[in-house]
Amino acid sequence: MDCTEVEESGSRLRAATDQFLVGDGPALADQLADALFALSADVARLRRATPTQSPVASDVQGIDDALTACVGLARRLSTAIRAHAEPGSYTDAARIARELGRHLAPTMPEGTSLSVVCPPSPTLAMMASSELRRVLVVLVRRMLSDLGSSRGELGLEVVAERHEPPERPVVKLLIGHRALAAAEAASAAADVRSDVNACGGSVEPCARKGGGATVVVSLPSAG
């Protein structure tokens, strides 16, 4: 692919993952705050360009003040929504993975396909839906960026592992590609490690069967 095709592919991917993120409240609040901030910056530039003695100067100042207040309210809303989420809540990881697959499949770069493998039954992982969505998006965006023009299949698999007590059952999400280098997988894992660890989980890169590398996200499960 030439540079234009790469840019178009990246834009389609970002649009698809943005739409996927819109499926939860905190992401909506974040997008609202970002949009208001961008609009506020435009109005601030307009205010600076408006002569002080202009008949509309006070109106522009009023709009600027109102938007500044709205940005603050949107950020407080995002914080409040996240704080309201019950700690230890569970999310159906299989449903989230399938939903991401539906968003991504039509936007994959030329020559690259997407394979999503999940159990048919709910697979409950101890992570809020909004956080799991964000972790998956960070990993997918980072991997596809690192892969560049590499062809092949990007695999996303959800596996439920049950252990004998006192070990807890675990849900694993595996994302990998045969052209992904070990260093790239390690870097992608590092991008989400703090969020995964905060939920009592772990994330590690590992060699992929058939070549390449995989990032494995392990989360406590409801069993």
Protein backbone atom coordinates (compact mmCIF):
# COMPACT_ATOMS: atom_id res chain seq x y z
CA MET A 1 0.00 0.00 0.00
CA ASP A 2 1.18 3.54 -0.72
CA CYS A 3 1.15 6.33 1.86
CA THR A 4 -2.34 7.51 0.90
CA GLU A 5 -3.79 4.03 1.27
CA VAL A 6 -2.08 3.59 4.63
CA GLU A 7 -3.53 6.89 5.88
CA GLU A 8 -7.01 6.00 4.64
CA SER A 9 -6.79 2.58 6.26
CA GLY A 10 -5.67 4.16 9.53
CA SER A 11 -8.56 6.64 9.40
CA ARG A 12 -11.09 3.86 8.84
CA LEU A 13 -9.62 1.85 11.70
CA ARG A 14 -9.74 4.81 14.08
CA ALA A 15 -13.33 5.61 13.09
CA ALA A 16 -14.38 1.99 13.65
CA THR A 17 -12.69 1.75 17.05
CA ASP A 18 -14.08 5.16 18.07
CA GLN A 19 -17.55 3.88 17.25
CA PHE A 20 -16.85 0.76 19.30
CA LEU A 21 -15.78 2.88 22.27
CA VAL A 22 -18.98 4.89 22.07
CA GLY A 23 -20.73 1.80 23.43
CA ASP A 24 -20.07 2.88 27.02
CA GLY A 25 -20.81 5.92 29.17
CA PRO A 26 -17.29 7.04 30.15
CA ALA A 27 -16.15 7.05 26.52
CA LEU A 28 -19.16 9.17 25.54
CA ALA A 29 -18.36 11.64 28.32
CA ASP A 30 -14.70 11.76 27.23
CA GLN A 31 -15.70 12.43 23.62
CA LEU A 32 -18.09 15.17 24.75
CA ALA A 33 -15.33 16.84 26.79
CA ASP A 34 -12.87 16.60 23.87
CA ALA A 35 -15.39 18.09 21.42
CA LEU A 36 -16.25 20.93 23.78
CA PHE A 37 -12.56 21.61 24.42
CA ALA A 38 -11.87 21.87 20.67
CA LEU A 39 -14.84 24.20 20.21
CA SER A 40 -13.75 26.27 23.21
CA ALA A 41 -10.28 26.69 21.71
CA ASP A 42 -11.82 27.96 18.44
CA VAL A 43 -13.99 30.45 20.30
CA ALA A 44 -11.01 31.61 22.37
CA ARG A 45 -9.10 32.35 19.15
CA LEU A 46 -12.13 34.25 17.86
CA ARG A 47 -12.30 36.25 21.08
CA ARG A 48 -8.63 37.23 20.80
CA ALA A 49 -9.20 38.32 17.19
CA THR A 50 -12.26 40.41 18.08
CA PRO A 51 -11.50 44.08 18.87
CA THR A 52 -12.31 44.98 22.46
CA GLN A 53 -14.58 47.83 21.39
CA SER A 54 -16.49 45.67 18.91
CA PRO A 55 -20.27 45.49 19.56
CA VAL A 56 -20.06 41.67 19.60
CA ALA A 57 -17.04 41.47 21.91
CA SER A 58 -19.15 40.88 25.02
CA ASP A 59 -21.18 38.18 23.24
CA VAL A 60 -18.03 36.32 22.17
CA GLN A 61 -16.67 36.59 25.72
CA GLY A 62 -19.92 35.17 27.08
CA ILE A 63 -19.77 32.20 24.72
CA ASP A 64 -16.12 31.62 25.64
CA ASP A 65 -16.94 31.63 29.36
CA ALA A 66 -19.90 29.28 28.87
CA LEU A 67 -17.87 26.76 26.87
CA THR A 68 -15.07 26.80 29.43
CA ALA A 69 -17.62 25.94 32.10
CA CYS A 70 -19.12 23.18 29.90
CA VAL A 71 -15.70 21.57 29.42
CA GLY A 72 -15.25 21.45 33.19
CA LEU A 73 -18.72 19.93 33.65
CA ALA A 74 -18.09 17.28 30.97
CA ARG A 75 -14.84 16.24 32.66
CA ARG A 76 -16.58 16.04 36.03
CA LEU A 77 -19.30 13.92 34.40
CA SER A 78 -16.69 11.49 33.05
CA THR A 79 -15.07 11.20 36.49
CA ALA A 80 -18.44 10.69 38.18
CA ILE A 81 -19.49 7.95 35.75
CA ARG A 82 -16.24 6.07 36.34
CA ALA A 83 -16.52 6.49 40.11
CA HIS A 84 -20.09 5.19 40.02
CA ALA A 85 -19.04 1.88 38.45
CA GLU A 86 -19.12 -0.83 41.07
CA PRO A 87 -15.66 -2.24 41.91
CA GLY A 88 -15.31 -5.88 41.02
CA SER A 89 -17.99 -5.72 38.33
CA TYR A 90 -17.94 -8.37 35.62
CA THR A 91 -18.18 -8.01 31.84
CA ASP A 92 -18.97 -10.62 29.20
CA ALA A 93 -15.61 -10.62 27.43
CA ALA A 94 -16.90 -12.81 24.61
CA ARG A 95 -19.68 -10.34 23.79
CA ILE A 96 -17.25 -7.41 23.82
CA ALA A 97 -14.80 -9.25 21.56
CA ARG A 98 -17.51 -10.17 19.05
CA GLU A 99 -18.74 -6.57 19.02
CA LEU A 100 -15.22 -5.30 18.35
CA GLY A 101 -14.93 -7.83 15.52
CA ARG A 102 -18.12 -6.53 13.89
CA HIS A 103 -16.73 -3.00 13.95
CA LEU A 104 -13.25 -3.91 12.75
CA ALA A 105 -13.88 -6.51 10.05
CA PRO A 106 -14.99 -4.06 7.31
CA THR A 107 -12.06 -1.72 7.98
CA MET A 108 -9.09 -4.09 8.04
CA PRO A 109 -6.17 -3.07 5.80
CA GLU A 110 -5.96 -4.74 2.41
CA GLY A 111 -4.55 -8.24 2.71
CA THR A 112 -5.20 -8.42 6.46
CA SER A 113 -8.15 -10.34 7.85
CA LEU A 114 -9.63 -10.60 11.32
CA SER A 115 -10.47 -13.81 13.14
CA VAL A 116 -12.53 -13.68 16.34
CA VAL A 117 -12.95 -16.93 18.30
CA CYS A 118 -15.12 -16.92 21.42
CA PRO A 119 -17.10 -19.39 23.52
CA PRO A 120 -20.83 -19.35 22.66
CA SER A 121 -21.77 -18.80 26.31
CA PRO A 122 -21.08 -15.65 28.38
CA THR A 123 -17.46 -15.39 29.57
CA LEU A 124 -17.42 -13.13 32.59
CA ALA A 125 -14.19 -11.23 33.28
CA MET A 126 -13.64 -8.93 36.23
CA MET A 127 -13.19 -5.64 34.41
CA ALA A 128 -15.66 -2.86 33.69
CA SER A 129 -17.01 -2.88 30.14
CA SER A 130 -15.59 0.57 29.38
CA GLU A 131 -12.10 -0.45 30.55
CA LEU A 132 -12.11 -3.73 28.62
CA ARG A 133 -13.19 -1.90 25.47
CA ARG A 134 -10.37 0.59 25.90
CA VAL A 135 -7.75 -2.13 26.54
CA LEU A 136 -8.76 -3.99 23.38
CA VAL A 137 -8.76 -0.83 21.27
CA VAL A 138 -5.30 0.19 22.52
CA LEU A 139 -3.90 -3.24 21.66
CA VAL A 140 -5.55 -3.48 18.23
CA ARG A 141 -4.55 0.03 17.18
CA ARG A 142 -0.98 -0.47 18.36
CA MET A 143 -0.60 -3.84 16.66
CA LEU A 144 -2.01 -2.78 13.31
CA SER A 145 0.20 0.30 13.40
CA ASP A 146 3.28 -1.84 14.11
CA LEU A 147 2.34 -4.37 11.42
CA GLY A 148 2.19 -1.69 8.74
CA SER A 149 1.74 -3.36 5.35
CA SER A 150 2.14 -6.91 6.69
CA ARG A 151 -0.46 -9.34 5.39
CA GLY A 152 -2.18 -12.16 7.21
CA GLU A 153 -4.70 -12.77 9.95
CA LEU A 154 -5.04 -10.77 13.13
CA GLY A 155 -6.41 -13.20 15.68
CA LEU A 156 -8.57 -12.30 18.68
CA GLU A 157 -9.53 -15.23 20.91
CA VAL A 158 -11.35 -15.43 24.23
CA VAL A 159 -10.66 -18.48 26.40
CA ALA A 160 -12.23 -19.44 29.74
CA GLU A 161 -9.89 -21.42 31.98
CA ARG A 162 -11.23 -23.14 35.07
CA HIS A 163 -8.92 -24.28 37.86
CA GLU A 164 -9.28 -26.32 40.99
CA PRO A 165 -9.77 -24.28 44.20
CA PRO A 166 -8.13 -22.32 45.71
CA GLU A 167 -7.06 -21.04 42.27
CA ARG A 168 -9.60 -18.74 40.65
CA PRO A 169 -10.98 -19.26 37.17
CA VAL A 170 -9.46 -16.98 34.54
CA VAL A 171 -10.59 -15.42 31.27
CA LYS A 172 -7.83 -14.96 28.71
CA LEU A 173 -7.97 -12.66 25.69
CA LEU A 174 -5.30 -13.43 23.10
CA ILE A 175 -4.48 -10.98 20.32
CA GLY A 176 -1.72 -11.85 17.86
CA HIS A 177 -0.38 -11.93 14.32
CA ARG A 178 2.24 -14.05 12.59
CA ALA A 179 4.20 -10.94 11.55
CA LEU A 180 4.16 -9.29 14.99
CA ALA A 181 7.64 -9.08 16.49
CA ALA A 182 8.27 -10.04 20.10
CA ALA A 183 9.45 -6.52 20.95
CA GLU A 184 6.30 -5.01 19.43
CA ALA A 185 4.09 -7.38 21.43
CA ALA A 186 5.98 -6.49 24.61
CA SER A 187 5.53 -2.78 23.94
CA ALA A 188 1.80 -3.20 23.26
CA ALA A 189 1.40 -5.19 26.49
CA ALA A 190 3.15 -2.45 28.43
CA ASP A 191 0.61 0.10 27.12
CA VAL A 192 -2.27 -1.63 28.95
CA ARG A 193 -0.52 -3.34 31.86
CA SER A 194 -1.43 -0.80 34.54
CA ASP A 195 -5.14 -0.97 33.65
CA VAL A 196 -5.17 -4.77 33.59
CA ASN A 197 -3.18 -5.07 36.82
CA ALA A 198 -5.61 -2.71 38.53
CA CYS A 199 -8.34 -5.32 37.98
CA GLY A 200 -6.25 -8.11 39.46
CA GLY A 201 -5.20 -9.41 36.06
CA SER A 202 -1.99 -9.68 34.09
CA VAL A 203 -0.84 -9.08 30.53
CA GLU A 204 2.16 -10.68 28.87
CA PRO A 205 3.58 -11.11 25.36
CA CYS A 206 4.33 -14.62 24.19
CA ALA A 207 5.41 -16.50 21.08
CA ARG A 208 2.58 -17.42 18.72
CA LYS A 209 2.13 -20.90 17.38
CA GLY A 210 3.11 -20.78 13.72
CA GLY A 211 5.31 -17.71 14.18
CA GLY A 212 4.88 -14.15 15.31
CA ALA A 213 3.71 -13.02 18.72
CA THR A 214 0.58 -12.71 20.84
CA VAL A 215 -0.43 -10.48 23.73
CA VAL A 216 -2.28 -12.45 26.41
CA VAL A 217 -4.57 -10.52 28.77
CA SER A 218 -5.59 -12.63 31.80
CA LEU A 219 -8.45 -11.48 34.04
CA PRO A 220 -10.15 -13.05 37.07
CA SER A 221 -13.39 -14.74 36.06
CA ALA A 222 -16.73 -15.45 37.68
CA GLY A 223 -16.27 -19.07 36.62
